Amino acid sequence: MTDNVAAPEKGLPRVKPATDIIETEDGFLLLLDMPGVDREHLIIDLNEDEVKISGKAEYDTPDKCKLGHVEFGSGEYFRSFTLSHIVDKDRIKATLKNGVVEIHLPKAEKSQPRKIEIQAG
């Protein structure tokens, strides 16, 4: 990961991607809908307790064609989240598949629930 999040490119609209946050037994799962973004244009930065996700989708107009109406097109996605102290920042993993960014934020070992053994008195 890098320290810089790409600044918005002039002329491209910036969109906040639809996001689901799911708590699992061992951590949290962020699912971000970023259609058209490929791995080369996806940036995930972690700085202190903030994770920033940005990506750029580019669509070329076919030669000799005029766009009559555009509801999706080139644009930039950006979203940031403040992480809880219970997230193990060293074990964060991310994947990109079919336009969905999946970020696994594992809980630190000390934050996971555990059973307390009862000693005989």
Protein backbone atom coordinates (compact mmCIF):
# COMPACT_ATOMS: atom_id res chain seq x y z
CA MET A 1 0.00 0.00 0.00
CA THR A 2 1.09 3.53 -0.62
CA ASP A 3 0.77 6.72 1.38
CA ASN A 4 -1.05 8.70 -1.31
CA VAL A 5 -4.57 8.39 -2.66
CA ALA A 6 -4.88 9.51 -6.24
CA ALA A 7 -6.33 12.99 -6.55
CA PRO A 8 -9.48 13.18 -8.67
CA GLU A 9 -8.66 13.53 -12.34
CA LYS A 10 -9.97 16.74 -13.84
CA GLY A 11 -13.24 16.21 -15.66
CA LEU A 12 -14.02 12.77 -14.19
CA PRO A 13 -16.97 12.53 -11.81
CA ARG A 14 -16.21 11.21 -8.32
CA VAL A 15 -18.63 8.61 -6.97
CA LYS A 16 -19.01 7.05 -3.51
CA PRO A 17 -19.26 3.29 -4.18
CA ALA A 18 -22.12 1.32 -2.65
CA THR A 19 -20.65 -0.51 0.34
CA ASP A 20 -21.66 -3.36 2.64
CA ILE A 21 -19.95 -3.88 6.00
CA ILE A 22 -20.37 -7.36 7.43
CA GLU A 23 -19.12 -8.49 10.83
CA THR A 24 -17.92 -12.08 10.86
CA GLU A 25 -16.68 -14.22 13.73
CA ASP A 26 -13.05 -13.39 13.00
CA GLY A 27 -13.33 -9.82 11.71
CA PHE A 28 -15.11 -7.49 9.32
CA LEU A 29 -15.70 -7.65 5.60
CA LEU A 30 -15.99 -4.53 3.42
CA LEU A 31 -17.64 -5.07 0.04
CA LEU A 32 -17.41 -2.12 -2.34
CA ASP A 33 -19.16 -2.04 -5.71
CA MET A 34 -16.67 -0.53 -8.18
CA PRO A 35 -17.66 -1.67 -11.70
CA GLY A 36 -15.16 -1.01 -14.44
CA VAL A 37 -12.19 -0.64 -12.08
CA ASP A 38 -9.29 -2.96 -12.84
CA ARG A 39 -6.49 -3.93 -10.50
CA GLU A 40 -4.06 -1.41 -12.00
CA HIS A 41 -6.43 1.48 -11.19
CA LEU A 42 -7.35 0.38 -7.66
CA ILE A 43 -5.55 1.93 -4.67
CA ILE A 44 -6.04 0.88 -1.05
CA ASP A 45 -4.11 2.98 1.46
CA LEU A 46 -3.78 2.42 5.18
CA ASN A 47 -2.59 5.37 7.26
CA GLU A 48 -2.83 5.11 11.04
CA ASP A 49 -6.49 4.21 11.70
CA GLU A 50 -7.89 5.18 8.30
CA VAL A 51 -8.22 3.04 5.20
CA LYS A 52 -8.84 4.82 1.88
CA ILE A 53 -10.09 3.03 -1.21
CA SER A 54 -10.01 4.69 -4.63
CA GLY A 55 -10.28 3.47 -8.17
CA LYS A 56 -10.73 4.74 -11.71
CA ALA A 57 -13.00 3.27 -14.37
CA GLU A 58 -12.37 4.29 -17.95
CA TYR A 59 -14.61 3.58 -20.90
CA ASP A 60 -13.59 4.51 -24.41
CA THR A 61 -16.14 5.66 -26.97
CA PRO A 62 -15.99 3.31 -29.95
CA ASP A 63 -14.52 4.88 -33.10
CA LYS A 64 -16.96 6.75 -35.33
CA CYS A 65 -19.66 6.68 -32.64
CA LYS A 66 -21.46 9.47 -30.83
CA LEU A 67 -22.81 9.00 -27.35
CA GLY A 68 -26.53 9.66 -27.29
CA HIS A 69 -27.08 9.04 -23.57
CA VAL A 70 -24.63 7.94 -20.85
CA GLU A 71 -25.64 6.64 -17.42
CA PHE A 72 -22.34 5.00 -16.67
CA GLY A 73 -18.99 5.92 -17.98
CA SER A 74 -15.54 6.94 -16.93
CA GLY A 75 -15.31 8.05 -13.34
CA GLU A 76 -13.50 7.76 -10.05
CA TYR A 77 -14.62 5.98 -6.91
CA PHE A 78 -13.52 7.03 -3.44
CA ARG A 79 -14.39 5.89 0.07
CA SER A 80 -12.61 6.05 3.43
CA PHE A 81 -13.23 4.34 6.75
CA THR A 82 -11.88 4.81 10.25
CA LEU A 83 -10.75 1.49 11.69
CA SER A 84 -11.41 0.35 15.21
CA HIS A 85 -8.53 -0.56 17.51
CA ILE A 86 -9.76 -4.18 17.41
CA VAL A 87 -8.69 -4.58 13.74
CA ASP A 88 -5.35 -6.33 13.20
CA LYS A 89 -3.93 -3.93 10.60
CA ASP A 90 -1.02 -6.26 9.75
CA ARG A 91 -3.35 -8.97 8.43
CA ILE A 92 -5.69 -6.91 6.20
CA LYS A 93 -6.25 -8.54 2.80
CA ALA A 94 -8.06 -7.36 -0.32
CA THR A 95 -9.33 -8.90 -3.54
CA LEU A 96 -11.02 -7.55 -6.66
CA LYS A 97 -13.40 -9.77 -8.58
CA ASN A 98 -16.16 -8.87 -11.05
CA GLY A 99 -16.14 -5.20 -10.03
CA VAL A 100 -16.43 -5.90 -6.30
CA VAL A 101 -13.60 -4.99 -3.94
CA GLU A 102 -13.54 -7.27 -0.91
CA ILE A 103 -11.45 -6.17 2.06
CA HIS A 104 -11.05 -8.50 5.02
CA LEU A 105 -10.31 -6.70 8.28
CA PRO A 106 -9.41 -9.42 10.82
CA LYS A 107 -9.95 -8.86 14.51
CA ALA A 108 -6.86 -8.76 16.70
CA GLU A 109 -6.39 -11.95 18.71
CA LYS A 110 -7.13 -10.21 22.00
CA SER A 111 -10.44 -8.91 20.61
CA GLN A 112 -11.90 -12.27 19.66
CA PRO A 113 -14.40 -13.82 22.05
CA ARG A 114 -13.19 -16.68 24.16
CA LYS A 115 -14.53 -18.97 26.86
CA ILE A 116 -13.24 -18.52 30.40
CA GLU A 117 -12.27 -21.77 32.06
CA ILE A 118 -13.62 -22.11 35.59
CA GLN A 119 -11.08 -23.36 38.11
CA ALA A 120 -12.06 -25.53 41.07
CA GLY A 121 -11.90 -23.53 44.28
